[in-house]
Amino acid sequence: MRRSAKTLRGATLVAAATLSHQPLLAAQDVRGFSYCAPPARPPCIETSVAALAMAACDEDVQLFTRTVFRYRECLEREMERAVREANDAIEAWRCRRDKTKCRN
């Protein structure tokens, strides 16, 4: 039962990201970690578009490019946060095992 709830929640996030024209940009908390949603490649890149739609596709590609940079920044922030959290956990464990290893 619990596993199917996780699967359903994951499917909902994927569906929301897929259906949205703009990808999810903000980090979403998932069990203490933040999820950085990858940007969706504009569909117009893969399909033929009329001359009138080229300007709109160009805007979508520019938005995608900006989104990729924000996604990368999100991943970097999350990686740094995860390392800090791991270091804090290791330090707390060492302190618990040996009081001389405590920071304060």
PDB file of N, CA and C in Angstrom:
ATOM      1  N   MET A   1       0.833  -1.195   0.000  1.00  0.00           N
ATOM      2  CA  MET A   1       0.000   0.000   0.000  1.00  0.00           C
ATOM      3  C   MET A   1       0.864   1.240   0.000  1.00  0.00           C
ATOM      4  N   ARG A   2       1.891   1.236   0.837  1.00  0.00           N
ATOM      5  CA  ARG A   2       2.753   2.400   0.939  1.00  0.00           C
ATOM      6  C   ARG A   2       3.532   2.638  -0.343  1.00  0.00           C
ATOM      7  N   ARG A   3       3.995   1.557  -0.955  1.00  0.00           N
ATOM      8  CA  ARG A   3       4.749   1.680  -2.194  1.00  0.00           C
ATOM      9  C   ARG A   3       3.885   2.244  -3.316  1.00  0.00           C
ATOM     10  N   SER A   4       2.635   1.810  -3.400  1.00  0.00           N
ATOM     11  CA  SER A   4       1.763   2.318  -4.455  1.00  0.00           C
ATOM     12  C   SER A   4       1.478   3.802  -4.258  1.00  0.00           C
ATOM     13  N   ALA A   5       1.445   4.267  -3.023  1.00  0.00           N
ATOM     14  CA  ALA A   5       1.247   5.698  -2.768  1.00  0.00           C
ATOM     15  C   ALA A   5       2.436   6.485  -3.284  1.00  0.00           C
ATOM     16  N   LYS A   6       3.664   5.954  -3.078  1.00  0.00           N
ATOM     17  CA  LYS A   6       4.854   6.627  -3.593  1.00  0.00           C
ATOM     18  C   LYS A   6       4.831   6.654  -5.117  1.00  0.00           C
ATOM     19  N   THR A   7       4.445   5.527  -5.719  1.00  0.00           N
ATOM     20  CA  THR A   7       4.390   5.444  -7.168  1.00  0.00           C
ATOM     21  C   THR A   7       3.374   6.427  -7.717  1.00  0.00           C
ATOM     22  N   LEU A   8       2.230   6.513  -7.055  1.00  0.00           N
ATOM     23  CA  LEU A   8       1.195   7.441  -7.481  1.00  0.00           C
ATOM     24  C   LEU A   8       1.667   8.877  -7.353  1.00  0.00           C
ATOM     25  N   ARG A   9       2.357   9.190  -6.250  1.00  0.00           N
ATOM     26  CA  ARG A   9       2.868  10.550  -6.056  1.00  0.00           C
ATOM     27  C   ARG A   9       3.895  10.877  -7.129  1.00  0.00           C
ATOM     28  N   GLY A  10       4.783   9.937  -7.440  1.00  0.00           N
ATOM     29  CA  GLY A  10       5.783  10.150  -8.477  1.00  0.00           C
ATOM     30  C   GLY A  10       5.144  10.322  -9.839  1.00  0.00           C
ATOM     31  N   ALA A  11       4.127   9.525 -10.129  1.00  0.00           N
ATOM     32  CA  ALA A  11       3.423   9.639 -11.400  1.00  0.00           C
ATOM     33  C   ALA A  11       2.726  10.985 -11.511  1.00  0.00           C
ATOM     34  N   THR A  12       2.193  11.474 -10.401  1.00  0.00           N
ATOM     35  CA  THR A  12       1.530  12.774 -10.398  1.00  0.00           C
ATOM     36  C   THR A  12       2.531  13.879 -10.709  1.00  0.00           C
ATOM     37  N   LEU A  13       3.722  13.805 -10.103  1.00  0.00           N
ATOM     38  CA  LEU A  13       4.745  14.817 -10.384  1.00  0.00           C
ATOM     39  C   LEU A  13       5.175  14.766 -11.840  1.00  0.00           C
ATOM     40  N   VAL A  14       5.357  13.572 -12.377  1.00  0.00           N
ATOM     41  CA  VAL A  14       5.756  13.435 -13.776  1.00  0.00           C
ATOM     42  C   VAL A  14       4.661  13.971 -14.682  1.00  0.00           C
ATOM     43  N   ALA A  15       3.419  13.627 -14.378  1.00  0.00           N
ATOM     44  CA  ALA A  15       2.306  14.095 -15.193  1.00  0.00           C
ATOM     45  C   ALA A  15       2.198  15.613 -15.143  1.00  0.00           C
ATOM     46  N   ALA A  16       2.372  16.186 -13.979  1.00  0.00           N
ATOM     47  CA  ALA A  16       2.296  17.645 -13.846  1.00  0.00           C
ATOM     48  C   ALA A  16       3.395  18.317 -14.645  1.00  0.00           C
ATOM     49  N   ALA A  17       4.597  17.758 -14.604  1.00  0.00           N
ATOM     50  CA  ALA A  17       5.714  18.338 -15.350  1.00  0.00           C
ATOM     51  C   ALA A  17       5.513  18.176 -16.846  1.00  0.00           C
ATOM     52  N   THR A  18       4.931  17.055 -17.260  1.00  0.00           N
ATOM     53  CA  THR A  18       4.735  16.785 -18.670  1.00  0.00           C
ATOM     54  C   THR A  18       3.637  17.664 -19.251  1.00  0.00           C
ATOM     55  N   LEU A  19       2.558  17.844 -18.494  1.00  0.00           N
ATOM     56  CA  LEU A  19       1.422  18.594 -19.000  1.00  0.00           C
ATOM     57  C   LEU A  19       1.664  20.097 -18.995  1.00  0.00           C
ATOM     58  N   SER A  20       2.546  20.551 -18.164  1.00  0.00           N
ATOM     59  CA  SER A  20       2.804  21.981 -18.048  1.00  0.00           C
ATOM     60  C   SER A  20       3.652  22.459 -19.214  1.00  0.00           C
ATOM     61  N   HIS A  21       3.357  23.640 -19.710  1.00  0.00           N
ATOM     62  CA  HIS A  21       4.183  24.216 -20.768  1.00  0.00           C
ATOM     63  C   HIS A  21       5.521  24.677 -20.213  1.00  0.00           C
ATOM     64  N   GLN A  22       5.508  25.144 -18.994  1.00  0.00           N
ATOM     65  CA  GLN A  22       6.743  25.552 -18.345  1.00  0.00           C
ATOM     66  C   GLN A  22       7.123  24.484 -17.342  1.00  0.00           C
ATOM     67  N   PRO A  23       8.391  24.036 -17.374  1.00  0.00           N
ATOM     68  CA  PRO A  23       8.801  22.988 -16.434  1.00  0.00           C
ATOM     69  C   PRO A  23       8.795  23.495 -15.003  1.00  0.00           C
ATOM     70  N   LEU A  24       8.704  22.552 -14.071  1.00  0.00           N
ATOM     71  CA  LEU A  24       8.778  22.909 -12.663  1.00  0.00           C
ATOM     72  C   LEU A  24      10.194  23.374 -12.367  1.00  0.00           C
ATOM     73  N   LEU A  25      10.329  24.568 -11.846  1.00  0.00           N
ATOM     74  CA  LEU A  25      11.655  25.134 -11.642  1.00  0.00           C
ATOM     75  C   LEU A  25      12.089  25.108 -10.190  1.00  0.00           C
ATOM     76  N   ALA A  26      11.143  25.258  -9.298  1.00  0.00           N
ATOM     77  CA  ALA A  26      11.498  25.325  -7.887  1.00  0.00           C
ATOM     78  C   ALA A  26      11.816  23.940  -7.360  1.00  0.00           C
ATOM     79  N   ALA A  27      12.724  23.897  -6.424  1.00  0.00           N
ATOM     80  CA  ALA A  27      13.039  22.622  -5.777  1.00  0.00           C
ATOM     81  C   ALA A  27      11.832  22.192  -4.964  1.00  0.00           C
ATOM     82  N   GLN A  28      11.517  20.912  -5.030  1.00  0.00           N
ATOM     83  CA  GLN A  28      10.383  20.373  -4.287  1.00  0.00           C
ATOM     84  C   GLN A  28      10.929  19.443  -3.226  1.00  0.00           C
ATOM     85  N   ASP A  29      10.458  19.615  -1.986  1.00  0.00           N
ATOM     86  CA  ASP A  29      10.946  18.782  -0.893  1.00  0.00           C
ATOM     87  C   ASP A  29      10.416  17.363  -1.010  1.00  0.00           C
ATOM     88  N   VAL A  30      11.327  16.415  -0.945  1.00  0.00           N
ATOM     89  CA  VAL A  30      11.001  15.000  -0.969  1.00  0.00           C
ATOM     90  C   VAL A  30      11.817  14.335   0.120  1.00  0.00           C
ATOM     91  N   ARG A  31      11.162  14.026   1.261  1.00  0.00           N
ATOM     92  CA  ARG A  31      11.818  13.368   2.389  1.00  0.00           C
ATOM     93  C   ARG A  31      13.130  14.040   2.795  1.00  0.00           C
ATOM     94  N   GLY A  32      13.125  15.339   2.973  1.00  0.00           N
ATOM     95  CA  GLY A  32      14.294  16.042   3.454  1.00  0.00           C
ATOM     96  C   GLY A  32      15.241  16.480   2.356  1.00  0.00           C
ATOM     97  N   PHE A  33      15.066  15.948   1.168  1.00  0.00           N
ATOM     98  CA  PHE A  33      15.896  16.357   0.045  1.00  0.00           C
ATOM     99  C   PHE A  33      15.037  17.176  -0.905  1.00  0.00           C
ATOM    100  N   SER A  34      15.679  18.002  -1.675  1.00  0.00           N
ATOM    101  CA  SER A  34      14.940  18.797  -2.647  1.00  0.00           C
ATOM    102  C   SER A  34      15.068  18.162  -4.018  1.00  0.00           C
ATOM    103  N   TYR A  35      13.974  18.115  -4.738  1.00  0.00           N
ATOM    104  CA  TYR A  35      13.972  17.564  -6.087  1.00  0.00           C
ATOM    105  C   TYR A  35      14.037  18.713  -7.071  1.00  0.00           C
ATOM    106  N   CYS A  36      15.008  18.675  -7.943  1.00  0.00           N
ATOM    107  CA  CYS A  36      15.138  19.669  -8.992  1.00  0.00           C
ATOM    108  C   CYS A  36      14.580  19.056 -10.272  1.00  0.00           C
ATOM    109  N   ALA A  37      13.458  19.561 -10.714  1.00  0.00           N
ATOM    110  CA  ALA A  37      12.801  19.003 -11.897  1.00  0.00           C
ATOM    111  C   ALA A  37      13.592  19.370 -13.147  1.00  0.00           C
ATOM    112  N   PRO A  38      13.950  18.383 -13.948  1.00  0.00           N
ATOM    113  CA  PRO A  38      14.682  18.685 -15.183  1.00  0.00           C
ATOM    114  C   PRO A  38      13.800  19.436 -16.160  1.00  0.00           C
ATOM    115  N   PRO A  39      14.381  20.329 -16.938  1.00  0.00           N
ATOM    116  CA  PRO A  39      13.584  21.095 -17.896  1.00  0.00           C
ATOM    117  C   PRO A  39      13.111  20.209 -19.043  1.00  0.00           C
ATOM    118  N   ALA A  40      11.953  20.544 -19.575  1.00  0.00           N
ATOM    119  CA  ALA A  40      11.398  19.816 -20.713  1.00  0.00           C
ATOM    120  C   ALA A  40      11.846  20.481 -22.006  1.00  0.00           C
ATOM    121  N   ARG A  41      12.387  19.678 -22.896  1.00  0.00           N
ATOM    122  CA  ARG A  41      12.828  20.174 -24.197  1.00  0.00           C
ATOM    123  C   ARG A  41      11.601  20.624 -24.993  1.00  0.00           C
ATOM    124  N   PRO A  42      11.654  21.791 -25.626  1.00  0.00           N
ATOM    125  CA  PRO A  42      10.482  22.277 -26.375  1.00  0.00           C
ATOM    126  C   PRO A  42      10.110  21.311 -27.504  1.00  0.00           C
ATOM    127  N   PRO A  43       8.848  20.927 -27.588  1.00  0.00           N
ATOM    128  CA  PRO A  43       8.427  19.989 -28.633  1.00  0.00           C
ATOM    129  C   PRO A  43       8.634  20.532 -30.042  1.00  0.00           C
ATOM    130  N   CYS A  44       8.631  21.848 -30.185  1.00  0.00           N
ATOM    131  CA  CYS A  44       8.758  22.423 -31.525  1.00  0.00           C
ATOM    132  C   CYS A  44      10.131  22.136 -32.146  1.00  0.00           C
ATOM    133  N   ILE A  45      11.113  21.766 -31.345  1.00  0.00           N
ATOM    134  CA  ILE A  45      12.443  21.447 -31.872  1.00  0.00           C
ATOM    135  C   ILE A  45      12.381  20.179 -32.719  1.00  0.00           C
ATOM    136  N   GLU A  46      11.539  19.248 -32.313  1.00  0.00           N
ATOM    137  CA  GLU A  46      11.454  17.940 -32.966  1.00  0.00           C
ATOM    138  C   GLU A  46      10.448  17.895 -34.117  1.00  0.00           C
ATOM    139  N   THR A  47       9.564  18.872 -34.189  1.00  0.00           N
ATOM    140  CA  THR A  47       8.523  18.854 -35.209  1.00  0.00           C
ATOM    141  C   THR A  47       8.735  19.990 -36.188  1.00  0.00           C
ATOM    142  N   SER A  48       8.185  19.829 -37.367  1.00  0.00           N
ATOM    143  CA  SER A  48       8.283  20.923 -38.331  1.00  0.00           C
ATOM    144  C   SER A  48       7.276  22.001 -37.921  1.00  0.00           C
ATOM    145  N   VAL A  49       7.711  23.233 -38.005  1.00  0.00           N
ATOM    146  CA  VAL A  49       6.840  24.342 -37.632  1.00  0.00           C
ATOM    147  C   VAL A  49       6.753  25.309 -38.801  1.00  0.00           C
ATOM    148  N   ALA A  50       5.605  25.926 -38.923  1.00  0.00           N
ATOM    149  CA  ALA A  50       5.399  26.921 -39.967  1.00  0.00           C
ATOM    150  C   ALA A  50       6.238  28.156 -39.670  1.00  0.00           C
ATOM    151  N   ALA A  51       6.466  28.950 -40.677  1.00  0.00           N
ATOM    152  CA  ALA A  51       7.275  30.160 -40.521  1.00  0.00           C
ATOM    153  C   ALA A  51       6.723  31.062 -39.428  1.00  0.00           C
ATOM    154  N   LEU A  52       5.403  31.124 -39.305  1.00  0.00           N
ATOM    155  CA  LEU A  52       4.796  31.963 -38.277  1.00  0.00           C
ATOM    156  C   LEU A  52       5.090  31.435 -36.882  1.00  0.00           C
ATOM    157  N   ALA A  53       5.247  30.128 -36.753  1.00  0.00           N
ATOM    158  CA  ALA A  53       5.496  29.539 -35.440  1.00  0.00           C
ATOM    159  C   ALA A  53       6.974  29.554 -35.071  1.00  0.00           C
ATOM    160  N   MET A  54       7.846  29.892 -35.997  1.00  0.00           N
ATOM    161  CA  MET A  54       9.280  29.902 -35.711  1.00  0.00           C
ATOM    162  C   MET A  54       9.629  30.885 -34.597  1.00  0.00           C
ATOM    163  N   ALA A  55       9.004  32.038 -34.582  1.00  0.00           N
ATOM    164  CA  ALA A  55       9.293  33.027 -33.534  1.00  0.00           C
ATOM    165  C   ALA A  55       8.868  32.494 -32.171  1.00  0.00           C
ATOM    166  N   ALA A  56       7.717  31.843 -32.116  1.00  0.00           N
ATOM    167  CA  ALA A  56       7.259  31.272 -30.847  1.00  0.00           C
ATOM    168  C   ALA A  56       8.193  30.155 -30.407  1.00  0.00           C
ATOM    169  N   CYS A  57       8.643  29.346 -31.357  1.00  0.00           N
ATOM    170  CA  CYS A  57       9.568  28.262 -31.018  1.00  0.00           C
ATOM    171  C   CYS A  57      10.897  28.845 -30.549  1.00  0.00           C
ATOM    172  N   ASP A  58      11.339  29.909 -31.171  1.00  0.00           N
ATOM    173  CA  ASP A  58      12.578  30.563 -30.748  1.00  0.00           C
ATOM    174  C   ASP A  58      12.459  31.034 -29.301  1.00  0.00           C
ATOM    175  N   GLU A  59      11.312  31.589 -28.940  1.00  0.00           N
ATOM    176  CA  GLU A  59      11.081  32.008 -27.556  1.00  0.00           C
ATOM    177  C   GLU A  59      11.101  30.797 -26.616  1.00  0.00           C
ATOM    178  N   ASP A  60      10.489  29.699 -27.051  1.00  0.00           N
ATOM    179  CA  ASP A  60      10.494  28.479 -26.231  1.00  0.00           C
ATOM    180  C   ASP A  60      11.910  27.955 -26.023  1.00  0.00           C
ATOM    181  N   VAL A  61      12.730  28.013 -27.058  1.00  0.00           N
ATOM    182  CA  VAL A  61      14.117  27.540 -26.958  1.00  0.00           C
ATOM    183  C   VAL A  61      14.910  28.454 -26.021  1.00  0.00           C
ATOM    184  N   GLN A  62      14.685  29.755 -26.100  1.00  0.00           N
ATOM    185  CA  GLN A  62      15.371  30.678 -25.195  1.00  0.00           C
ATOM    186  C   GLN A  62      14.947  30.430 -23.747  1.00  0.00           C
ATOM    187  N   LEU A  63      13.655  30.197 -23.527  1.00  0.00           N
ATOM    188  CA  LEU A  63      13.167  29.878 -22.190  1.00  0.00           C
ATOM    189  C   LEU A  63      13.787  28.570 -21.710  1.00  0.00           C
ATOM    190  N   PHE A  64      13.848  27.574 -22.586  1.00  0.00           N
ATOM    191  CA  PHE A  64      14.456  26.288 -22.247  1.00  0.00           C
ATOM    192  C   PHE A  64      15.909  26.487 -21.828  1.00  0.00           C
ATOM    193  N   THR A  65      16.647  27.299 -22.554  1.00  0.00           N
ATOM    194  CA  THR A  65      18.055  27.553 -22.235  1.00  0.00           C
ATOM    195  C   THR A  65      18.187  28.184 -20.853  1.00  0.00           C
ATOM    196  N   ARG A  66      17.360  29.178 -20.553  1.00  0.00           N
ATOM    197  CA  ARG A  66      17.388  29.801 -19.223  1.00  0.00           C
ATOM    198  C   ARG A  66      17.016  28.787 -18.148  1.00  0.00           C
ATOM    199  N   THR A  67      16.056  27.936 -18.458  1.00  0.00           N
ATOM    200  CA  THR A  67      15.603  26.927 -17.511  1.00  0.00           C
ATOM    201  C   THR A  67      16.699  25.910 -17.220  1.00  0.00           C
ATOM    202  N   VAL A  68      17.475  25.552 -18.225  1.00  0.00           N
ATOM    203  CA  VAL A  68      18.581  24.609 -18.027  1.00  0.00           C
ATOM    204  C   VAL A  68      19.587  25.184 -17.028  1.00  0.00           C
ATOM    205  N   PHE A  69      19.875  26.472 -17.145  1.00  0.00           N
ATOM    206  CA  PHE A  69      20.809  27.096 -16.204  1.00  0.00           C
ATOM    207  C   PHE A  69      20.237  27.110 -14.786  1.00  0.00           C
ATOM    208  N   ARG A  70      18.935  27.407 -14.646  1.00  0.00           N
ATOM    209  CA  ARG A  70      18.308  27.381 -13.319  1.00  0.00           C
ATOM    210  C   ARG A  70      18.288  25.963 -12.754  1.00  0.00           C
ATOM    211  N   TYR A  71      18.071  24.981 -13.614  1.00  0.00           N
ATOM    212  CA  TYR A  71      18.093  23.578 -13.194  1.00  0.00           C
ATOM    213  C   TYR A  71      19.475  23.206 -12.675  1.00  0.00           C
ATOM    214  N   ARG A  72      20.491  23.616 -13.386  1.00  0.00           N
ATOM    215  CA  ARG A  72      21.869  23.336 -12.965  1.00  0.00           C
ATOM    216  C   ARG A  72      22.164  24.002 -11.619  1.00  0.00           C
ATOM    217  N   GLU A  73      21.736  25.230 -11.435  1.00  0.00           N
ATOM    218  CA  GLU A  73      21.922  25.917 -10.157  1.00  0.00           C
ATOM    219  C   GLU A  73      21.196  25.186  -9.035  1.00  0.00           C
ATOM    220  N   CYS A  74      19.996  24.711  -9.321  1.00  0.00           N
ATOM    221  CA  CYS A  74      19.232  23.963  -8.323  1.00  0.00           C
ATOM    222  C   CYS A  74      19.988  22.701  -7.928  1.00  0.00           C
ATOM    223  N   LEU A  75      20.525  21.983  -8.903  1.00  0.00           N
ATOM    224  CA  LEU A  75      21.284  20.766  -8.616  1.00  0.00           C
ATOM    225  C   LEU A  75      22.522  21.071  -7.777  1.00  0.00           C
ATOM    226  N   GLU A  76      23.203  22.161  -8.099  1.00  0.00           N
ATOM    227  CA  GLU A  76      24.394  22.542  -7.330  1.00  0.00           C
ATOM    228  C   GLU A  76      24.029  22.868  -5.884  1.00  0.00           C
ATOM    229  N   ARG A  77      22.939  23.631  -5.694  1.00  0.00           N
ATOM    230  CA  ARG A  77      22.501  23.961  -4.330  1.00  0.00           C
ATOM    231  C   ARG A  77      22.127  22.697  -3.569  1.00  0.00           C
ATOM    232  N   GLU A  78      21.417  21.794  -4.215  1.00  0.00           N
ATOM    233  CA  GLU A  78      20.982  20.567  -3.556  1.00  0.00           C
ATOM    234  C   GLU A  78      22.178  19.688  -3.215  1.00  0.00           C
ATOM    235  N   MET A  79      23.160  19.633  -4.103  1.00  0.00           N
ATOM    236  CA  MET A  79      24.354  18.833  -3.834  1.00  0.00           C
ATOM    237  C   MET A  79      25.100  19.398  -2.621  1.00  0.00           C
ATOM    238  N   GLU A  80      25.264  20.707  -2.561  1.00  0.00           N
ATOM    239  CA  GLU A  80      25.940  21.333  -1.425  1.00  0.00           C
ATOM    240  C   GLU A  80      25.154  21.107  -0.131  1.00  0.00           C
ATOM    241  N   ARG A  81      23.819  21.204  -0.195  1.00  0.00           N
ATOM    242  CA  ARG A  81      23.001  20.983   0.978  1.00  0.00           C
ATOM    243  C   ARG A  81      23.101  19.535   1.450  1.00  0.00           C
ATOM    244  N   ALA A  82      23.104  18.598   0.506  1.00  0.00           N
ATOM    245  CA  ALA A  82      23.195  17.179   0.859  1.00  0.00           C
ATOM    246  C   ALA A  82      24.538  16.864   1.514  1.00  0.00           C
ATOM    247  N   VAL A  83      25.607  17.464   1.023  1.00  0.00           N
ATOM    248  CA  VAL A  83      26.934  17.246   1.620  1.00  0.00           C
ATOM    249  C   VAL A  83      26.968  17.817   3.033  1.00  0.00           C
ATOM    250  N   ARG A  84      26.417  19.032   3.223  1.00  0.00           N
ATOM    251  CA  ARG A  84      26.366  19.621   4.566  1.00  0.00           C
ATOM    252  C   ARG A  84      25.567  18.735   5.513  1.00  0.00           C
ATOM    253  N   GLU A  85      24.424  18.238   5.044  1.00  0.00           N
ATOM    254  CA  GLU A  85      23.587  17.384   5.882  1.00  0.00           C
ATOM    255  C   GLU A  85      24.322  16.097   6.247  1.00  0.00           C
ATOM    256  N   ALA A  86      25.021  15.514   5.287  1.00  0.00           N
ATOM    257  CA  ALA A  86      25.786  14.289   5.569  1.00  0.00           C
ATOM    258  C   ALA A  86      26.893  14.571   6.573  1.00  0.00           C
ATOM    259  N   ASN A  87      27.606  15.669   6.403  1.00  0.00           N
ATOM    260  CA  ASN A  87      28.672  16.024   7.340  1.00  0.00           C
ATOM    261  C   ASN A  87      28.130  16.256   8.745  1.00  0.00           C
ATOM    262  N   ASP A  88      26.986  16.930   8.835  1.00  0.00           N
ATOM    263  CA  ASP A  88      26.356  17.149  10.145  1.00  0.00           C
ATOM    264  C   ASP A  88      25.969  15.830  10.790  1.00  0.00           C
ATOM    265  N   ALA A  89      25.418  14.898  10.000  1.00  0.00           N
ATOM    266  CA  ALA A  89      25.014  13.596  10.538  1.00  0.00           C
ATOM    267  C   ALA A  89      26.232  12.808  11.023  1.00  0.00           C
ATOM    268  N   ILE A  90      27.304  12.831  10.253  1.00  0.00           N
ATOM    269  CA  ILE A  90      28.534  12.118  10.640  1.00  0.00           C
ATOM    270  C   ILE A  90      29.105  12.719  11.913  1.00  0.00           C
ATOM    271  N   GLU A  91      29.130  14.047  11.978  1.00  0.00           N
ATOM    272  CA  GLU A  91      29.646  14.718  13.169  1.00  0.00           C
ATOM    273  C   GLU A  91      28.796  14.404  14.400  1.00  0.00           C
ATOM    274  N   ALA A  92      27.481  14.405  14.235  1.00  0.00           N
ATOM    275  CA  ALA A  92      26.594  14.084  15.359  1.00  0.00           C
ATOM    276  C   ALA A  92      26.821  12.649  15.826  1.00  0.00           C
ATOM    277  N   TRP A  93      27.017  11.737  14.909  1.00  0.00           N
ATOM    278  CA  TRP A  93      27.249  10.340  15.273  1.00  0.00           C
ATOM    279  C   TRP A  93      28.584  10.177  15.994  1.00  0.00           C
ATOM    280  N   ARG A  94      29.613  10.824  15.476  1.00  0.00           N
ATOM    281  CA  ARG A  94      30.927  10.735  16.126  1.00  0.00           C
ATOM    282  C   ARG A  94      30.876  11.324  17.534  1.00  0.00           C
ATOM    283  N   CYS A  95      30.162  12.420  17.688  1.00  0.00           N
ATOM    284  CA  CYS A  95      30.016  13.053  18.995  1.00  0.00           C
ATOM    285  C   CYS A  95      29.268  12.131  19.948  1.00  0.00           C
ATOM    286  N   ARG A  96      28.252  11.479  19.443  1.00  0.00           N
ATOM    287  CA  ARG A  96      27.472  10.578  20.282  1.00  0.00           C
ATOM    288  C   ARG A  96      28.306   9.386  20.747  1.00  0.00           C
ATOM    289  N   ARG A  97      29.169   8.903  19.869  1.00  0.00           N
ATOM    290  CA  ARG A  97      30.012   7.754  20.204  1.00  0.00           C
ATOM    291  C   ARG A  97      31.166   8.137  21.115  1.00  0.00           C
ATOM    292  N   ASP A  98      31.685   9.366  20.942  1.00  0.00           N
ATOM    293  CA  ASP A  98      32.853   9.801  21.711  1.00  0.00           C
ATOM    294  C   ASP A  98      32.704  11.292  21.990  1.00  0.00           C
ATOM    295  N   LYS A  99      32.395  11.643  23.225  1.00  0.00           N
ATOM    296  CA  LYS A  99      32.134  13.036  23.586  1.00  0.00           C
ATOM    297  C   LYS A  99      33.329  13.962  23.326  1.00  0.00           C
ATOM    298  N   THR A 100      34.525  13.420  23.210  1.00  0.00           N
ATOM    299  CA  THR A 100      35.691  14.266  22.941  1.00  0.00           C
ATOM    300  C   THR A 100      35.688  14.742  21.490  1.00  0.00           C
ATOM    301  N   LYS A 101      34.867  14.135  20.644  1.00  0.00           N
ATOM    302  CA  LYS A 101      34.793  14.511  19.222  1.00  0.00           C
ATOM    303  C   LYS A 101      33.742  15.594  18.975  1.00  0.00           C
ATOM    304  N   CYS A 102      33.040  16.015  20.032  1.00  0.00           N
ATOM    305  CA  CYS A 102      31.984  17.007  19.876  1.00  0.00           C
ATOM    306  C   CYS A 102      32.570  18.385  19.575  1.00  0.00           C
ATOM    307  N   ARG A 103      31.890  19.113  18.756  1.00  0.00           N
ATOM    308  CA  ARG A 103      32.355  20.440  18.350  1.00  0.00           C
ATOM    309  C   ARG A 103      32.310  21.424  19.517  1.00  0.00           C
ATOM    310  N   ASN A 104      31.272  21.391  20.318  1.00  0.00           N
ATOM    311  CA  ASN A 104      31.115  22.366  21.416  1.00  0.00           C
ATOM    312  C   ASN A 104      31.402  21.740  22.747  1.00  0.00           C
TER     313      ASN A 104
END
